[in-house]
Amino acid sequence: MLIHPWDQATREEWRDHLVRHDFGQLVTAGHVDGYPVVVPTHFLYGGADTVELHLARPNPVWRALEQDPHVVLALTDDYVYVEAAWNADAGSDPDLGVPTSYYTAVQLHGTAEVVDDAQAKAAILGRQLAHFEPPGSTRRTPSTELESDRRLLPGIRGLVVHLESVRAKQKYGGNKTVEHRREIAARLAERHGPLDAAARDQLLRRSRDA
């Protein structure tokens, strides 16, 4: 992933992003049938240097991890298309403008540890449920003491990714003037597409911090 200096996300920015965004794609270094395995998955980032998740036992990801435990957990969020005329610099012909994309991308590089111990898997599930279930959820904490959980646990494997490096990018017009970025923010508010509000918030925040 190309990261220009003006698009580089700080450690504070990408850590805050992971608190609010908890779905990504796990990409393996090991191959199955000649290709990396790519698994869409929820995950739990607890603010330390690890990420936890679980996947079904038949998932081909385990075969890939046997070859090579290195993985990348990749997220792309708050993305929008910036129209050509919007992106044209002041004084240039908007009919010849060059469109672009705005987005946040975080790529977590690490080594995967497979978790098969029943109690350890139940603990991972418990932490995930505490994060994902809504307030007032009646779902009991997973436990090997519960017969239904004890029967289900063999069907999954836990995964802990020990993070080694992070590449994080927030591409929101950092090479444009603050005035131009505010104009684009106004355009996004007017268009009001599915992710325009989220991208606009990122754009204005980074403009204030510029």
Protein backbone atom coordinates (compact mmCIF):
# COMPACT_ATOMS: atom_id res chain seq x y z
CA MET A 1 0.00 0.00 0.00
CA LEU A 2 1.41 3.36 -1.06
CA ILE A 3 1.33 5.90 1.79
CA HIS A 4 2.30 9.48 1.03
CA PRO A 5 3.57 11.53 3.99
CA TRP A 6 0.37 13.60 4.02
CA ASP A 7 -1.78 10.44 4.19
CA GLN A 8 0.09 8.72 7.02
CA ALA A 9 -2.18 7.88 9.94
CA THR A 10 -0.74 8.32 13.41
CA ARG A 11 -0.71 5.57 16.00
CA GLU A 12 -3.47 7.38 17.87
CA GLU A 13 -5.58 7.58 14.69
CA TRP A 14 -5.32 3.92 13.70
CA ARG A 15 -5.83 2.70 17.27
CA ASP A 16 -8.97 4.84 17.55
CA HIS A 17 -10.14 3.48 14.19
CA LEU A 18 -9.78 -0.12 15.39
CA VAL A 19 -11.92 0.63 18.44
CA ARG A 20 -14.76 1.74 16.14
CA HIS A 21 -14.26 -0.65 13.22
CA ASP A 22 -14.09 -4.36 13.95
CA PHE A 23 -14.57 -6.16 10.65
CA GLY A 24 -11.84 -6.86 8.12
CA GLN A 25 -10.24 -9.45 5.87
CA LEU A 26 -7.65 -11.90 7.16
CA VAL A 27 -5.10 -12.62 4.41
CA THR A 28 -2.65 -15.49 4.72
CA ALA A 29 0.93 -15.75 3.52
CA GLY A 30 0.47 -19.49 3.10
CA HIS A 31 -1.41 -20.71 0.04
CA VAL A 32 -4.23 -23.17 -0.56
CA ASP A 33 -4.60 -24.40 -4.15
CA GLY A 34 -2.00 -21.86 -5.21
CA TYR A 35 -3.61 -18.75 -3.71
CA PRO A 36 -3.64 -16.89 -0.39
CA VAL A 37 -6.72 -17.46 1.74
CA VAL A 38 -8.82 -14.33 2.34
CA VAL A 39 -11.36 -14.57 5.17
CA PRO A 40 -13.90 -11.80 5.95
CA THR A 41 -14.25 -11.74 9.72
CA HIS A 42 -15.16 -9.83 12.83
CA PHE A 43 -12.26 -9.40 15.22
CA LEU A 44 -11.50 -7.94 18.61
CA TYR A 45 -8.70 -5.44 19.11
CA GLY A 46 -8.21 -4.87 22.78
CA GLY A 47 -5.75 -1.99 22.62
CA ALA A 48 -2.71 -4.23 23.15
CA ASP A 49 -0.52 -5.79 20.49
CA THR A 50 -2.89 -8.64 19.70
CA VAL A 51 -6.11 -9.27 17.80
CA GLU A 52 -8.48 -12.13 18.67
CA LEU A 53 -11.07 -13.92 16.55
CA HIS A 54 -12.50 -17.36 15.88
CA LEU A 55 -13.35 -19.27 12.72
CA ALA A 56 -15.04 -22.54 11.81
CA ARG A 57 -12.86 -25.64 11.94
CA PRO A 58 -13.49 -26.56 8.24
CA ASN A 59 -12.17 -23.15 7.10
CA PRO A 60 -9.25 -23.54 4.65
CA VAL A 61 -7.36 -20.83 6.54
CA TRP A 62 -5.93 -23.48 8.89
CA ARG A 63 -4.20 -25.26 6.02
CA ALA A 64 -2.61 -21.98 4.95
CA LEU A 65 -1.44 -21.23 8.50
CA GLU A 66 0.24 -24.63 8.72
CA GLN A 67 2.46 -23.54 5.80
CA ASP A 68 3.16 -20.05 7.10
CA PRO A 69 1.71 -18.35 10.21
CA HIS A 70 2.22 -14.81 8.89
CA VAL A 71 -1.01 -12.93 8.16
CA VAL A 72 -2.33 -9.49 7.33
CA LEU A 73 -5.63 -8.27 8.74
CA ALA A 74 -6.79 -5.55 6.36
CA LEU A 75 -9.56 -2.97 6.85
CA THR A 76 -10.87 -0.35 4.46
CA ASP A 77 -13.55 2.00 5.79
CA ASP A 78 -15.04 5.50 5.45
CA TYR A 79 -14.44 5.46 1.69
CA VAL A 80 -15.98 7.66 -1.00
CA TYR A 81 -15.50 8.59 -4.63
CA VAL A 82 -14.43 12.22 -5.10
CA GLU A 83 -15.80 13.49 -8.39
CA ALA A 84 -13.44 14.89 -11.01
CA ALA A 85 -14.80 18.46 -10.94
CA TRP A 86 -14.63 18.56 -7.12
CA ASN A 87 -10.97 17.53 -7.12
CA ALA A 88 -9.86 20.05 -9.75
CA ASP A 89 -7.50 22.68 -8.32
CA ALA A 90 -8.60 26.31 -8.20
CA GLY A 91 -8.10 28.03 -11.54
CA SER A 92 -8.00 24.77 -13.51
CA ASP A 93 -10.66 23.49 -15.90
CA PRO A 94 -13.09 21.30 -13.88
CA ASP A 95 -13.93 19.44 -17.09
CA LEU A 96 -10.36 18.14 -17.02
CA GLY A 97 -10.30 17.36 -13.31
CA VAL A 98 -8.86 14.12 -12.02
CA PRO A 99 -11.13 12.14 -9.69
CA THR A 100 -9.83 10.33 -6.64
CA SER A 101 -10.89 8.18 -3.70
CA TYR A 102 -10.89 9.05 -0.03
CA TYR A 103 -10.60 6.23 2.50
CA THR A 104 -9.10 4.90 5.69
CA ALA A 105 -7.00 1.74 5.37
CA VAL A 106 -5.35 -0.16 8.20
CA GLN A 107 -3.21 -3.25 7.60
CA LEU A 108 -2.14 -5.24 10.65
CA HIS A 109 0.84 -7.50 10.06
CA GLY A 110 1.48 -10.31 12.49
CA THR A 111 1.96 -13.96 13.35
CA ALA A 112 -1.07 -16.15 13.97
CA GLU A 113 -1.34 -18.42 16.99
CA VAL A 114 -3.99 -21.15 16.67
CA VAL A 115 -5.99 -21.80 19.84
CA ASP A 116 -7.53 -25.26 20.30
CA ASP A 117 -7.84 -25.48 24.09
CA ALA A 118 -11.55 -25.50 24.93
CA GLN A 119 -11.31 -23.10 27.89
CA ALA A 120 -9.09 -20.69 25.95
CA LYS A 121 -11.55 -20.70 23.05
CA ALA A 122 -14.43 -20.03 25.42
CA ALA A 123 -12.47 -17.10 26.86
CA ILE A 124 -11.98 -15.61 23.37
CA LEU A 125 -15.69 -16.02 22.65
CA GLY A 126 -16.54 -14.39 25.95
CA ARG A 127 -14.46 -11.33 25.16
CA GLN A 128 -15.95 -11.10 21.66
CA LEU A 129 -19.50 -11.37 22.97
CA ALA A 130 -18.81 -8.70 25.58
CA HIS A 131 -17.74 -6.41 22.74
CA PHE A 132 -20.34 -7.23 20.08
CA GLU A 133 -23.53 -8.09 21.95
CA PRO A 134 -25.85 -5.13 22.67
CA PRO A 135 -26.45 -3.80 26.19
CA GLY A 136 -28.94 -5.99 27.99
CA SER A 137 -28.04 -9.12 26.02
CA THR A 138 -29.13 -12.27 27.82
CA ARG A 139 -26.48 -14.45 26.17
CA ARG A 140 -24.58 -16.24 28.93
CA THR A 141 -20.79 -16.07 28.97
CA PRO A 142 -19.44 -19.03 26.96
CA SER A 143 -18.13 -21.78 29.21
CA THR A 144 -17.06 -25.39 29.08
CA GLU A 145 -19.43 -25.89 32.02
CA LEU A 146 -22.45 -25.29 29.76
CA GLU A 147 -23.45 -28.40 27.84
CA SER A 148 -24.53 -26.53 24.70
CA ASP A 149 -21.25 -24.58 24.57
CA ARG A 150 -19.23 -27.70 25.29
CA ARG A 151 -20.82 -29.38 22.26
CA LEU A 152 -20.24 -26.39 19.98
CA LEU A 153 -16.66 -25.50 20.91
CA PRO A 154 -15.04 -28.36 18.93
CA GLY A 155 -16.54 -26.85 15.75
CA ILE A 156 -14.37 -23.73 15.96
CA ARG A 157 -10.75 -22.77 16.48
CA GLY A 158 -9.52 -19.59 18.08
CA LEU A 159 -6.92 -17.32 16.55
CA VAL A 160 -4.66 -14.76 18.20
CA VAL A 161 -2.69 -12.50 15.87
CA HIS A 162 0.44 -11.14 17.54
CA LEU A 163 1.00 -7.79 15.83
CA GLU A 164 4.45 -7.00 14.50
CA SER A 165 3.78 -3.90 12.41
CA VAL A 166 0.92 -1.67 11.27
CA ARG A 167 0.53 0.25 8.02
CA ALA A 168 -2.20 2.84 8.27
CA LYS A 169 -3.41 5.44 5.82
CA GLN A 170 -6.06 8.14 5.91
CA LYS A 171 -6.37 9.53 2.41
CA TYR A 172 -8.50 12.68 2.72
CA GLY A 173 -6.96 15.32 0.49
CA GLY A 174 -3.89 15.96 2.58
CA ASN A 175 -2.13 17.36 -0.50
CA LYS A 176 -4.92 19.93 -1.03
CA THR A 177 -5.33 23.31 0.62
CA VAL A 178 -7.54 23.50 3.70
CA GLU A 179 -9.97 25.70 1.73
CA HIS A 180 -10.22 23.11 -1.04
CA ARG A 181 -10.81 20.32 1.46
CA ARG A 182 -13.63 22.28 3.05
CA GLU A 183 -15.22 22.74 -0.36
CA ILE A 184 -15.08 19.00 -0.94
CA ALA A 185 -16.57 18.43 2.52
CA ALA A 186 -19.49 20.65 1.57
CA ARG A 187 -19.96 18.66 -1.65
CA LEU A 188 -20.04 15.41 0.34
CA ALA A 189 -22.66 16.85 2.68
CA GLU A 190 -24.76 17.87 -0.32
CA ARG A 191 -24.42 14.49 -2.05
CA HIS A 192 -25.24 12.63 1.18
CA GLY A 193 -24.29 9.18 -0.10
CA PRO A 194 -24.03 6.07 2.12
CA LEU A 195 -20.50 6.79 3.44
CA ASP A 196 -20.25 10.49 2.63
CA ALA A 197 -20.90 11.62 6.20
CA ALA A 198 -18.19 9.39 7.66
CA ALA A 199 -15.65 10.47 5.04
CA ARG A 200 -16.62 14.12 5.53
CA ASP A 201 -15.99 13.82 9.27
CA GLN A 202 -12.54 12.37 8.61
CA LEU A 203 -11.82 15.08 6.04
CA LEU A 204 -12.80 17.92 8.36
CA ARG A 205 -10.95 16.44 11.34
CA ARG A 206 -7.71 16.10 9.39
CA SER A 207 -8.21 19.60 7.97
CA ARG A 208 -8.49 21.02 11.50
CA ASP A 209 -5.33 19.15 12.50
CA ALA A 210 -3.38 20.34 9.45
